[in-house]
Amino acid sequence: MDNNVTAHLASGLARQGMVVFRFNPQGVGRSETDRNIDEDQQLFWEHSTAPEYEKAMETDTGRAFEFFTGINGKHENVHIIGYSYGCLGAIRLPQQASWIERMVLIAPPLARWPMPPPYPEGGHSTALIWAEDDFACPSDLARNLFDRLPPPKVFQVLPAGLDHFLVGHEVWLSEWVGRFLQGR
């Protein structure tokens, strides 16, 4: 989880008084798996999909969410944030837990990985954030996803030059996301 976006979000939101839980799906970072991640990645880059890995990632996200809510012990003010391919698991969580209050999707990899349809009866507020020149999240595809999200929803397009990794805007991002999660 050595990623500039997720690291800054976690520390920035914690400084704002939020409890933060982040994880790596199987085979990413120091997490373990019995899957052949090289084969999954090759399949993805050749076909823009890796169905078994996608299913495993969704399962991992659900299990991590269950673990966190189990130790956290409360079901209020629970928010979900997905960055890049983490959006794939995040967008499905409201089906598992209708009490999710807010969801933030940051730079979903729409150019290479089809997003599942949004949960139509979410009832939660959703923010979609991307940079104008993101190679993985082109503006036309992001706007199409935004149009399919159920209300209430908001989007934030960051200026060109930030690419997919939003370098130099991490502090701004954690502050913006914090305000959104707090309903401000």
C-alpha atoms as a PDB file:
ATOM      1  CA  MET A   1       0.000   0.000   0.000  1.00  0.00           C
ATOM      2  CA  ASP A   2       2.930   2.277  -0.724  1.00  0.00           C
ATOM      3  CA  ASN A   3       0.917   4.610  -2.886  1.00  0.00           C
ATOM      4  CA  ASN A   4       1.007   8.395  -2.618  1.00  0.00           C
ATOM      5  CA  VAL A   5      -2.781   8.784  -2.907  1.00  0.00           C
ATOM      6  CA  THR A   6      -3.814   6.135  -0.366  1.00  0.00           C
ATOM      7  CA  ALA A   7      -1.043   7.030   2.085  1.00  0.00           C
ATOM      8  CA  HIS A   8      -1.956  10.735   2.085  1.00  0.00           C
ATOM      9  CA  LEU A   9      -5.672   9.979   2.306  1.00  0.00           C
ATOM     10  CA  ALA A  10      -5.172   7.680   5.294  1.00  0.00           C
ATOM     11  CA  SER A  11      -2.950  10.071   7.220  1.00  0.00           C
ATOM     12  CA  GLY A  12      -4.962  13.166   6.234  1.00  0.00           C
ATOM     13  CA  LEU A  13      -8.297  11.648   7.241  1.00  0.00           C
ATOM     14  CA  ALA A  14      -6.821  10.321  10.500  1.00  0.00           C
ATOM     15  CA  ARG A  15      -5.603  13.864  11.289  1.00  0.00           C
ATOM     16  CA  GLN A  16      -9.201  14.990  10.790  1.00  0.00           C
ATOM     17  CA  GLY A  17     -10.264  12.535  13.513  1.00  0.00           C
ATOM     18  CA  MET A  18     -11.522   9.698  11.329  1.00  0.00           C
ATOM     19  CA  VAL A  19     -10.814   6.031  11.919  1.00  0.00           C
ATOM     20  CA  VAL A  20      -9.137   4.717   8.767  1.00  0.00           C
ATOM     21  CA  PHE A  21      -8.760   1.118   7.636  1.00  0.00           C
ATOM     22  CA  ARG A  22      -6.968   0.288   4.403  1.00  0.00           C
ATOM     23  CA  PHE A  23      -5.878  -3.012   2.926  1.00  0.00           C
ATOM     24  CA  ASN A  24      -4.315  -4.671  -0.090  1.00  0.00           C
ATOM     25  CA  PRO A  25      -6.284  -7.299  -1.992  1.00  0.00           C
ATOM     26  CA  GLN A  26      -4.632 -10.696  -2.300  1.00  0.00           C
ATOM     27  CA  GLY A  27      -1.344 -10.638  -4.095  1.00  0.00           C
ATOM     28  CA  VAL A  28      -0.843  -6.862  -3.867  1.00  0.00           C
ATOM     29  CA  GLY A  29       1.902  -5.418  -1.705  1.00  0.00           C
ATOM     30  CA  ARG A  30       2.741  -7.781   1.155  1.00  0.00           C
ATOM     31  CA  SER A  31      -0.595  -9.620   1.066  1.00  0.00           C
ATOM     32  CA  GLU A  32      -0.449 -13.292   0.195  1.00  0.00           C
ATOM     33  CA  THR A  33      -2.291 -15.341  -2.386  1.00  0.00           C
ATOM     34  CA  ASP A  34      -2.195 -18.732  -4.010  1.00  0.00           C
ATOM     35  CA  ARG A  35      -3.230 -17.117  -7.305  1.00  0.00           C
ATOM     36  CA  ASN A  36      -0.734 -16.535 -10.103  1.00  0.00           C
ATOM     37  CA  ILE A  37      -0.831 -12.749 -10.140  1.00  0.00           C
ATOM     38  CA  ASP A  38       1.450 -12.588 -13.205  1.00  0.00           C
ATOM     39  CA  GLU A  39      -1.104 -14.597 -15.188  1.00  0.00           C
ATOM     40  CA  ASP A  40      -3.953 -12.408 -13.909  1.00  0.00           C
ATOM     41  CA  GLN A  41      -2.101  -9.244 -14.884  1.00  0.00           C
ATOM     42  CA  GLN A  42      -1.240 -10.626 -18.327  1.00  0.00           C
ATOM     43  CA  LEU A  43      -4.879 -11.584 -18.888  1.00  0.00           C
ATOM     44  CA  PHE A  44      -5.962  -8.115 -17.797  1.00  0.00           C
ATOM     45  CA  TRP A  45      -3.563  -6.267 -20.080  1.00  0.00           C
ATOM     46  CA  GLU A  46      -4.494  -8.461 -23.051  1.00  0.00           C
ATOM     47  CA  HIS A  47      -8.279  -8.394 -22.572  1.00  0.00           C
ATOM     48  CA  SER A  48      -8.976  -5.528 -20.140  1.00  0.00           C
ATOM     49  CA  THR A  49     -10.515  -8.041 -17.780  1.00  0.00           C
ATOM     50  CA  ALA A  50      -9.425 -10.853 -15.494  1.00  0.00           C
ATOM     51  CA  PRO A  51     -12.731 -12.305 -14.244  1.00  0.00           C
ATOM     52  CA  GLU A  52     -11.346 -14.625 -11.568  1.00  0.00           C
ATOM     53  CA  TYR A  53      -9.075 -11.933 -10.153  1.00  0.00           C
ATOM     54  CA  GLU A  54     -11.925  -9.416 -10.222  1.00  0.00           C
ATOM     55  CA  LYS A  55     -14.099 -11.861  -8.304  1.00  0.00           C
ATOM     56  CA  ALA A  56     -11.294 -12.490  -5.783  1.00  0.00           C
ATOM     57  CA  MET A  57     -10.719  -8.750  -5.351  1.00  0.00           C
ATOM     58  CA  GLU A  58     -14.422  -8.185  -4.739  1.00  0.00           C
ATOM     59  CA  THR A  59     -14.408 -10.993  -2.158  1.00  0.00           C
ATOM     60  CA  ASP A  60     -11.330  -9.521  -0.457  1.00  0.00           C
ATOM     61  CA  THR A  61     -12.937  -6.085  -0.305  1.00  0.00           C
ATOM     62  CA  GLY A  62     -16.086  -7.535   1.232  1.00  0.00           C
ATOM     63  CA  ARG A  63     -14.117  -9.530   3.801  1.00  0.00           C
ATOM     64  CA  ALA A  64     -11.966  -6.537   4.733  1.00  0.00           C
ATOM     65  CA  PHE A  65     -15.111  -4.473   5.139  1.00  0.00           C
ATOM     66  CA  GLU A  66     -16.701  -7.150   7.356  1.00  0.00           C
ATOM     67  CA  PHE A  67     -13.509  -7.336   9.434  1.00  0.00           C
ATOM     68  CA  PHE A  68     -13.361  -3.585   9.916  1.00  0.00           C
ATOM     69  CA  THR A  69     -17.020  -3.165  10.790  1.00  0.00           C
ATOM     70  CA  GLY A  70     -16.688  -6.127  13.160  1.00  0.00           C
ATOM     71  CA  ILE A  71     -13.858  -4.535  15.144  1.00  0.00           C
ATOM     72  CA  ASN A  72     -15.219  -1.011  14.798  1.00  0.00           C
ATOM     73  CA  GLY A  73     -18.523  -2.174  16.245  1.00  0.00           C
ATOM     74  CA  LYS A  74     -20.665   0.628  14.889  1.00  0.00           C
ATOM     75  CA  HIS A  75     -22.630   1.089  11.745  1.00  0.00           C
ATOM     76  CA  GLU A  76     -22.863   4.849  11.513  1.00  0.00           C
ATOM     77  CA  ASN A  77     -20.629   7.293   9.734  1.00  0.00           C
ATOM     78  CA  VAL A  78     -19.101   4.453   7.696  1.00  0.00           C
ATOM     79  CA  HIS A  79     -17.621   5.633   4.419  1.00  0.00           C
ATOM     80  CA  ILE A  80     -15.925   3.787   1.573  1.00  0.00           C
ATOM     81  CA  ILE A  81     -13.090   5.149  -0.535  1.00  0.00           C
ATOM     82  CA  GLY A  82     -11.719   3.401  -3.582  1.00  0.00           C
ATOM     83  CA  TYR A  83      -8.686   4.583  -5.523  1.00  0.00           C
ATOM     84  CA  SER A  84      -7.893   3.287  -9.009  1.00  0.00           C
ATOM     85  CA  TYR A  85      -8.775  -0.416  -9.210  1.00  0.00           C
ATOM     86  CA  GLY A  86      -9.882  -0.219  -5.562  1.00  0.00           C
ATOM     87  CA  CYS A  87     -13.004   1.441  -6.982  1.00  0.00           C
ATOM     88  CA  LEU A  88     -14.024  -1.934  -8.433  1.00  0.00           C
ATOM     89  CA  GLY A  89     -14.614  -3.434  -5.000  1.00  0.00           C
ATOM     90  CA  ALA A  90     -15.803  -0.211  -3.397  1.00  0.00           C
ATOM     91  CA  ILE A  91     -18.632   0.390  -5.850  1.00  0.00           C
ATOM     92  CA  ARG A  92     -20.219  -2.959  -4.929  1.00  0.00           C
ATOM     93  CA  LEU A  93     -20.045  -2.626  -1.147  1.00  0.00           C
ATOM     94  CA  PRO A  94     -23.366  -0.746  -0.780  1.00  0.00           C
ATOM     95  CA  GLN A  95     -25.069  -3.965  -1.933  1.00  0.00           C
ATOM     96  CA  GLN A  96     -23.532  -5.668   1.112  1.00  0.00           C
ATOM     97  CA  ALA A  97     -24.128  -2.846   3.597  1.00  0.00           C
ATOM     98  CA  SER A  98     -26.951  -0.438   2.889  1.00  0.00           C
ATOM     99  CA  TRP A  99     -25.917   1.673   5.891  1.00  0.00           C
ATOM    100  CA  ILE A 100     -22.818   3.028   4.146  1.00  0.00           C
ATOM    101  CA  GLU A 101     -23.153   6.788   4.439  1.00  0.00           C
ATOM    102  CA  ARG A 102     -20.774   8.071   1.753  1.00  0.00           C
ATOM    103  CA  MET A 103     -18.577   6.642  -0.976  1.00  0.00           C
ATOM    104  CA  VAL A 104     -15.654   8.255  -2.802  1.00  0.00           C
ATOM    105  CA  LEU A 105     -14.347   6.859  -6.078  1.00  0.00           C
ATOM    106  CA  ILE A 106     -10.982   8.333  -7.068  1.00  0.00           C
ATOM    107  CA  ALA A 107      -9.640   7.789 -10.586  1.00  0.00           C
ATOM    108  CA  PRO A 108     -11.372   4.490 -11.386  1.00  0.00           C
ATOM    109  CA  PRO A 109      -9.444   2.711 -14.192  1.00  0.00           C
ATOM    110  CA  LEU A 110     -12.254   3.019 -16.717  1.00  0.00           C
ATOM    111  CA  ALA A 111      -9.974   2.953 -19.772  1.00  0.00           C
ATOM    112  CA  ARG A 112      -8.806  -0.599 -19.072  1.00  0.00           C
ATOM    113  CA  TRP A 113     -11.253  -2.160 -16.651  1.00  0.00           C
ATOM    114  CA  PRO A 114     -15.015  -2.031 -17.028  1.00  0.00           C
ATOM    115  CA  MET A 115     -16.739  -0.862 -13.853  1.00  0.00           C
ATOM    116  CA  PRO A 116     -19.657  -2.905 -12.593  1.00  0.00           C
ATOM    117  CA  PRO A 117     -22.974  -1.092 -12.644  1.00  0.00           C
ATOM    118  CA  PRO A 118     -23.493   1.118  -9.595  1.00  0.00           C
ATOM    119  CA  TYR A 119     -25.865  -0.124  -6.935  1.00  0.00           C
ATOM    120  CA  PRO A 120     -29.104   1.634  -7.904  1.00  0.00           C
ATOM    121  CA  GLU A 121     -30.674   1.860  -4.435  1.00  0.00           C
ATOM    122  CA  GLY A 122     -27.594   3.015  -2.573  1.00  0.00           C
ATOM    123  CA  GLY A 123     -29.067   5.984  -0.746  1.00  0.00           C
ATOM    124  CA  HIS A 124     -25.544   7.139   0.069  1.00  0.00           C
ATOM    125  CA  SER A 125     -23.784  10.214  -1.260  1.00  0.00           C
ATOM    126  CA  THR A 126     -21.095   9.476  -3.823  1.00  0.00           C
ATOM    127  CA  ALA A 127     -18.171  11.598  -4.979  1.00  0.00           C
ATOM    128  CA  LEU A 128     -16.272  10.809  -8.172  1.00  0.00           C
ATOM    129  CA  ILE A 129     -12.859  12.441  -8.583  1.00  0.00           C
ATOM    130  CA  TRP A 130     -10.457  12.322 -11.522  1.00  0.00           C
ATOM    131  CA  ALA A 131      -7.802  14.409 -13.248  1.00  0.00           C
ATOM    132  CA  GLU A 132      -8.547  15.871 -16.671  1.00  0.00           C
ATOM    133  CA  ASP A 133      -5.673  13.991 -18.354  1.00  0.00           C
ATOM    134  CA  ASP A 134      -5.800  10.717 -16.409  1.00  0.00           C
ATOM    135  CA  PHE A 135      -4.701   7.938 -18.771  1.00  0.00           C
ATOM    136  CA  ALA A 136      -6.671   5.349 -16.778  1.00  0.00           C
ATOM    137  CA  CYS A 137      -9.787   7.451 -16.157  1.00  0.00           C
ATOM    138  CA  PRO A 138     -10.576   9.510 -19.273  1.00  0.00           C
ATOM    139  CA  SER A 139     -13.029  12.340 -18.692  1.00  0.00           C
ATOM    140  CA  ASP A 140     -15.652  11.024 -21.128  1.00  0.00           C
ATOM    141  CA  LEU A 141     -15.765   7.645 -19.385  1.00  0.00           C
ATOM    142  CA  ALA A 142     -15.759   9.275 -15.933  1.00  0.00           C
ATOM    143  CA  ARG A 143     -18.673  11.518 -16.887  1.00  0.00           C
ATOM    144  CA  ASN A 144     -20.535   8.476 -18.227  1.00  0.00           C
ATOM    145  CA  LEU A 145     -19.996   6.662 -14.908  1.00  0.00           C
ATOM    146  CA  PHE A 146     -21.099   9.763 -13.019  1.00  0.00           C
ATOM    147  CA  ASP A 147     -24.312   9.911 -15.062  1.00  0.00           C
ATOM    148  CA  ARG A 148     -25.060   6.283 -14.076  1.00  0.00           C
ATOM    149  CA  LEU A 149     -24.488   6.851 -10.342  1.00  0.00           C
ATOM    150  CA  PRO A 150     -27.659   7.275  -8.288  1.00  0.00           C
ATOM    151  CA  PRO A 151     -28.132  10.599  -6.486  1.00  0.00           C
ATOM    152  CA  PRO A 152     -27.011  12.246  -4.347  1.00  0.00           C
ATOM    153  CA  LYS A 153     -23.689  12.602  -6.110  1.00  0.00           C
ATOM    154  CA  VAL A 154     -20.966  15.113  -6.879  1.00  0.00           C
ATOM    155  CA  PHE A 155     -17.885  15.087  -9.088  1.00  0.00           C
ATOM    156  CA  GLN A 156     -14.583  16.921  -8.981  1.00  0.00           C
ATOM    157  CA  VAL A 157     -12.349  17.176 -12.046  1.00  0.00           C
ATOM    158  CA  LEU A 158      -8.762  18.109 -11.265  1.00  0.00           C
ATOM    159  CA  PRO A 159      -6.688  20.069 -13.769  1.00  0.00           C
ATOM    160  CA  ALA A 160      -4.573  18.518 -16.493  1.00  0.00           C
ATOM    161  CA  GLY A 161      -1.015  17.676 -15.568  1.00  0.00           C
ATOM    162  CA  LEU A 162      -1.840  15.502 -12.541  1.00  0.00           C
ATOM    163  CA  ASP A 163      -2.259  12.235 -14.413  1.00  0.00           C
ATOM    164  CA  HIS A 164      -3.561   9.185 -12.537  1.00  0.00           C
ATOM    165  CA  PHE A 165      -1.425   9.640  -9.426  1.00  0.00           C
ATOM    166  CA  LEU A 166      -2.459  13.213  -8.566  1.00  0.00           C
ATOM    167  CA  VAL A 167       1.116  14.038  -7.586  1.00  0.00           C
ATOM    168  CA  GLY A 168       1.345  17.320  -5.736  1.00  0.00           C
ATOM    169  CA  HIS A 169      -2.375  17.391  -4.898  1.00  0.00           C
ATOM    170  CA  GLU A 170      -2.452  14.682  -2.229  1.00  0.00           C
ATOM    171  CA  VAL A 171      -2.978  17.103   0.673  1.00  0.00           C
ATOM    172  CA  TRP A 172      -5.722  18.958  -1.190  1.00  0.00           C
ATOM    173  CA  LEU A 173      -7.339  15.603  -2.007  1.00  0.00           C
ATOM    174  CA  SER A 174      -7.371  14.391   1.618  1.00  0.00           C
ATOM    175  CA  GLU A 175      -8.826  17.725   2.771  1.00  0.00           C
ATOM    176  CA  TRP A 176     -11.513  17.695   0.042  1.00  0.00           C
ATOM    177  CA  VAL A 177     -12.444  14.072   0.759  1.00  0.00           C
ATOM    178  CA  GLY A 178     -12.545  14.819   4.500  1.00  0.00           C
ATOM    179  CA  ARG A 179     -14.975  17.697   3.956  1.00  0.00           C
ATOM    180  CA  PHE A 180     -17.140  15.522   1.721  1.00  0.00           C
ATOM    181  CA  LEU A 181     -17.218  12.680   4.250  1.00  0.00           C
ATOM    182  CA  GLN A 182     -18.163  15.102   7.015  1.00  0.00           C
ATOM    183  CA  GLY A 183     -20.984  16.522   4.877  1.00  0.00           C
ATOM    184  CA  ARG A 184     -19.424  19.957   4.475  1.00  0.00           C
END
